[in-house]
Amino acid sequence: MISRENTVIAVGAVLSVVVLLVGAAIGLEGPLFGAIVLVGIPILGPQLYLAATGDVEVPPETRIRISVLVSIVLLSGFTVTGTGRERTIVRTVVFGLFVALLGYEFASGYRSRSGGQ
């Protein structure tokens, strides 16, 4: 039997391929489109969905941390290609994810130190 986690990840992968094909058919290209198709839909989307809906196999905190960290690493490769505007948008997303991850870690650490989970 296929687990819920595998189903969600498979749907993310299929949706990514569909968006890639539709985008190619209408002429979308560039680092922003690539970042959405290769990182946002198949990696970040399913993991955040599973974290939000309370998957019991992996704690939501772990899903958020790992998916954001992997997204930061993969999106960093998209910051060197494309036009200036596209690079700026992708860099802003990377910086925003990094700041959000730091804020999440600080809040998580504060809650665990203060005794309130």
C-alpha atoms as a PDB file:
ATOM      1  CA  MET A   1       0.000   0.000   0.000  1.00  0.00           C
ATOM      2  CA  ILE A   2       1.278   3.457  -0.903  1.00  0.00           C
ATOM      3  CA  SER A   3       1.795   5.753   2.054  1.00  0.00           C
ATOM      4  CA  ARG A   4       0.265   9.209   2.239  1.00  0.00           C
ATOM      5  CA  GLU A   5       3.721  10.772   2.215  1.00  0.00           C
ATOM      6  CA  ASN A   6       4.694   9.039  -1.035  1.00  0.00           C
ATOM      7  CA  THR A   7       1.395  10.041  -2.623  1.00  0.00           C
ATOM      8  CA  VAL A   8       1.883  13.717  -1.747  1.00  0.00           C
ATOM      9  CA  ILE A   9       5.476  13.701  -3.031  1.00  0.00           C
ATOM     10  CA  ALA A  10       4.417  11.936  -6.251  1.00  0.00           C
ATOM     11  CA  VAL A  11       1.641  14.485  -6.820  1.00  0.00           C
ATOM     12  CA  GLY A  12       4.225  17.263  -6.347  1.00  0.00           C
ATOM     13  CA  ALA A  13       6.519  15.650  -8.923  1.00  0.00           C
ATOM     14  CA  VAL A  14       3.712  15.142 -11.444  1.00  0.00           C
ATOM     15  CA  LEU A  15       2.470  18.700 -10.919  1.00  0.00           C
ATOM     16  CA  SER A  16       6.015  19.952 -11.468  1.00  0.00           C
ATOM     17  CA  VAL A  17       6.264  18.101 -14.795  1.00  0.00           C
ATOM     18  CA  VAL A  18       2.863  19.413 -15.884  1.00  0.00           C
ATOM     19  CA  VAL A  19       3.822  22.998 -15.038  1.00  0.00           C
ATOM     20  CA  LEU A  20       7.148  22.525 -16.849  1.00  0.00           C
ATOM     21  CA  LEU A  21       5.413  21.254 -19.996  1.00  0.00           C
ATOM     22  CA  VAL A  22       2.761  23.977 -19.951  1.00  0.00           C
ATOM     23  CA  GLY A  23       5.409  26.621 -19.306  1.00  0.00           C
ATOM     24  CA  ALA A  24       7.539  25.310 -22.159  1.00  0.00           C
ATOM     25  CA  ALA A  25       4.511  25.295 -24.460  1.00  0.00           C
ATOM     26  CA  ILE A  26       3.746  28.960 -23.756  1.00  0.00           C
ATOM     27  CA  GLY A  27       7.395  30.044 -23.744  1.00  0.00           C
ATOM     28  CA  LEU A  28       8.163  30.588 -20.071  1.00  0.00           C
ATOM     29  CA  GLU A  29      11.833  30.366 -19.178  1.00  0.00           C
ATOM     30  CA  GLY A  30      14.437  31.796 -16.854  1.00  0.00           C
ATOM     31  CA  PRO A  31      15.663  31.224 -13.328  1.00  0.00           C
ATOM     32  CA  LEU A  32      12.432  32.277 -11.654  1.00  0.00           C
ATOM     33  CA  PHE A  33      10.383  29.752 -13.600  1.00  0.00           C
ATOM     34  CA  GLY A  34      13.073  27.114 -13.082  1.00  0.00           C
ATOM     35  CA  ALA A  35      13.160  27.752  -9.352  1.00  0.00           C
ATOM     36  CA  ILE A  36       9.410  27.345  -9.063  1.00  0.00           C
ATOM     37  CA  VAL A  37       9.319  24.192 -11.192  1.00  0.00           C
ATOM     38  CA  LEU A  38      12.419  22.471  -9.799  1.00  0.00           C
ATOM     39  CA  VAL A  39      12.367  23.543  -6.145  1.00  0.00           C
ATOM     40  CA  GLY A  40       9.076  25.138  -5.127  1.00  0.00           C
ATOM     41  CA  ILE A  41       6.585  22.606  -6.442  1.00  0.00           C
ATOM     42  CA  PRO A  42       8.334  19.229  -6.006  1.00  0.00           C
ATOM     43  CA  ILE A  43      10.380  19.873  -2.840  1.00  0.00           C
ATOM     44  CA  LEU A  44       9.092  22.729  -0.735  1.00  0.00           C
ATOM     45  CA  GLY A  45       5.396  22.348  -1.509  1.00  0.00           C
ATOM     46  CA  PRO A  46       4.850  18.706  -0.519  1.00  0.00           C
ATOM     47  CA  GLN A  47       6.984  18.931   2.612  1.00  0.00           C
ATOM     48  CA  LEU A  48       5.241  22.044   3.902  1.00  0.00           C
ATOM     49  CA  TYR A  49       1.870  20.459   3.100  1.00  0.00           C
ATOM     50  CA  LEU A  50       2.778  17.341   5.076  1.00  0.00           C
ATOM     51  CA  ALA A  51       4.045  19.478   7.957  1.00  0.00           C
ATOM     52  CA  ALA A  52       0.836  21.527   8.005  1.00  0.00           C
ATOM     53  CA  THR A  53      -1.503  18.544   7.851  1.00  0.00           C
ATOM     54  CA  GLY A  54       0.131  16.696  10.716  1.00  0.00           C
ATOM     55  CA  ASP A  55       1.892  13.716   9.174  1.00  0.00           C
ATOM     56  CA  VAL A  56       2.880  11.411  12.053  1.00  0.00           C
ATOM     57  CA  GLU A  57       5.923   9.674  10.539  1.00  0.00           C
ATOM     58  CA  VAL A  58       8.235  12.692  10.650  1.00  0.00           C
ATOM     59  CA  PRO A  59       7.781  15.627  13.070  1.00  0.00           C
ATOM     60  CA  PRO A  60       6.556  18.821  11.347  1.00  0.00           C
ATOM     61  CA  GLU A  61       9.525  20.784  12.708  1.00  0.00           C
ATOM     62  CA  THR A  62      11.935  18.447  10.962  1.00  0.00           C
ATOM     63  CA  ARG A  63      10.022  18.675   7.686  1.00  0.00           C
ATOM     64  CA  ILE A  64      10.079  22.478   7.788  1.00  0.00           C
ATOM     65  CA  ARG A  65      13.758  22.706   8.685  1.00  0.00           C
ATOM     66  CA  ILE A  66      14.991  20.234   6.091  1.00  0.00           C
ATOM     67  CA  SER A  67      12.759  21.402   3.235  1.00  0.00           C
ATOM     68  CA  VAL A  68      13.691  25.050   3.735  1.00  0.00           C
ATOM     69  CA  LEU A  69      17.389  24.209   4.051  1.00  0.00           C
ATOM     70  CA  VAL A  70      17.375  22.076   0.892  1.00  0.00           C
ATOM     71  CA  SER A  71      15.436  24.808  -0.915  1.00  0.00           C
ATOM     72  CA  ILE A  72      17.985  27.436   0.111  1.00  0.00           C
ATOM     73  CA  VAL A  73      20.854  25.299  -1.178  1.00  0.00           C
ATOM     74  CA  LEU A  74      19.136  24.467  -4.479  1.00  0.00           C
ATOM     75  CA  LEU A  75      17.821  27.989  -5.074  1.00  0.00           C
ATOM     76  CA  SER A  76      21.306  29.409  -4.583  1.00  0.00           C
ATOM     77  CA  GLY A  77      22.236  27.888  -7.927  1.00  0.00           C
ATOM     78  CA  PHE A  78      19.528  29.943  -9.637  1.00  0.00           C
ATOM     79  CA  THR A  79      20.982  33.260  -8.411  1.00  0.00           C
ATOM     80  CA  VAL A  80      23.733  33.398 -11.038  1.00  0.00           C
ATOM     81  CA  THR A  81      21.709  33.144 -14.264  1.00  0.00           C
ATOM     82  CA  GLY A  82      19.039  35.215 -15.932  1.00  0.00           C
ATOM     83  CA  THR A  83      18.367  38.925 -16.022  1.00  0.00           C
ATOM     84  CA  GLY A  84      19.134  41.261 -13.156  1.00  0.00           C
ATOM     85  CA  ARG A  85      15.513  41.414 -12.078  1.00  0.00           C
ATOM     86  CA  GLU A  86      15.091  37.623 -12.009  1.00  0.00           C
ATOM     87  CA  ARG A  87      18.330  37.175 -10.058  1.00  0.00           C
ATOM     88  CA  THR A  88      17.175  39.789  -7.566  1.00  0.00           C
ATOM     89  CA  ILE A  89      13.832  38.039  -7.058  1.00  0.00           C
ATOM     90  CA  VAL A  90      15.445  34.627  -6.529  1.00  0.00           C
ATOM     91  CA  ARG A  91      18.051  36.117  -4.171  1.00  0.00           C
ATOM     92  CA  THR A  92      15.286  37.827  -2.217  1.00  0.00           C
ATOM     93  CA  VAL A  93      13.435  34.501  -1.901  1.00  0.00           C
ATOM     94  CA  VAL A  94      16.637  32.772  -0.730  1.00  0.00           C
ATOM     95  CA  PHE A  95      17.298  35.531   1.798  1.00  0.00           C
ATOM     96  CA  GLY A  96      13.668  35.431   2.967  1.00  0.00           C
ATOM     97  CA  LEU A  97      13.793  31.667   3.446  1.00  0.00           C
ATOM     98  CA  PHE A  98      17.054  32.023   5.374  1.00  0.00           C
ATOM     99  CA  VAL A  99      15.611  34.716   7.662  1.00  0.00           C
ATOM    100  CA  ALA A 100      12.424  32.666   8.142  1.00  0.00           C
ATOM    101  CA  LEU A 101      14.498  29.604   9.032  1.00  0.00           C
ATOM    102  CA  LEU A 102      16.525  31.606  11.555  1.00  0.00           C
ATOM    103  CA  GLY A 103      13.361  33.057  13.066  1.00  0.00           C
ATOM    104  CA  TYR A 104      11.797  29.606  13.261  1.00  0.00           C
ATOM    105  CA  GLU A 105      14.900  28.216  14.959  1.00  0.00           C
ATOM    106  CA  PHE A 106      15.024  31.106  17.454  1.00  0.00           C
ATOM    107  CA  ALA A 107      11.338  30.733  18.301  1.00  0.00           C
ATOM    108  CA  SER A 108      11.660  26.952  18.573  1.00  0.00           C
ATOM    109  CA  GLY A 109      14.678  27.274  20.848  1.00  0.00           C
ATOM    110  CA  TYR A 110      12.926  29.855  23.009  1.00  0.00           C
ATOM    111  CA  ARG A 111       9.840  27.662  23.374  1.00  0.00           C
ATOM    112  CA  SER A 112      11.883  24.605  24.319  1.00  0.00           C
ATOM    113  CA  ARG A 113      13.921  26.608  26.861  1.00  0.00           C
ATOM    114  CA  SER A 114      10.882  28.212  28.422  1.00  0.00           C
ATOM    115  CA  GLY A 115       9.111  24.866  28.746  1.00  0.00           C
ATOM    116  CA  GLY A 116       6.208  25.637  26.388  1.00  0.00           C
ATOM    117  CA  GLN A 117       6.092  23.440  23.330  1.00  0.00           C
END
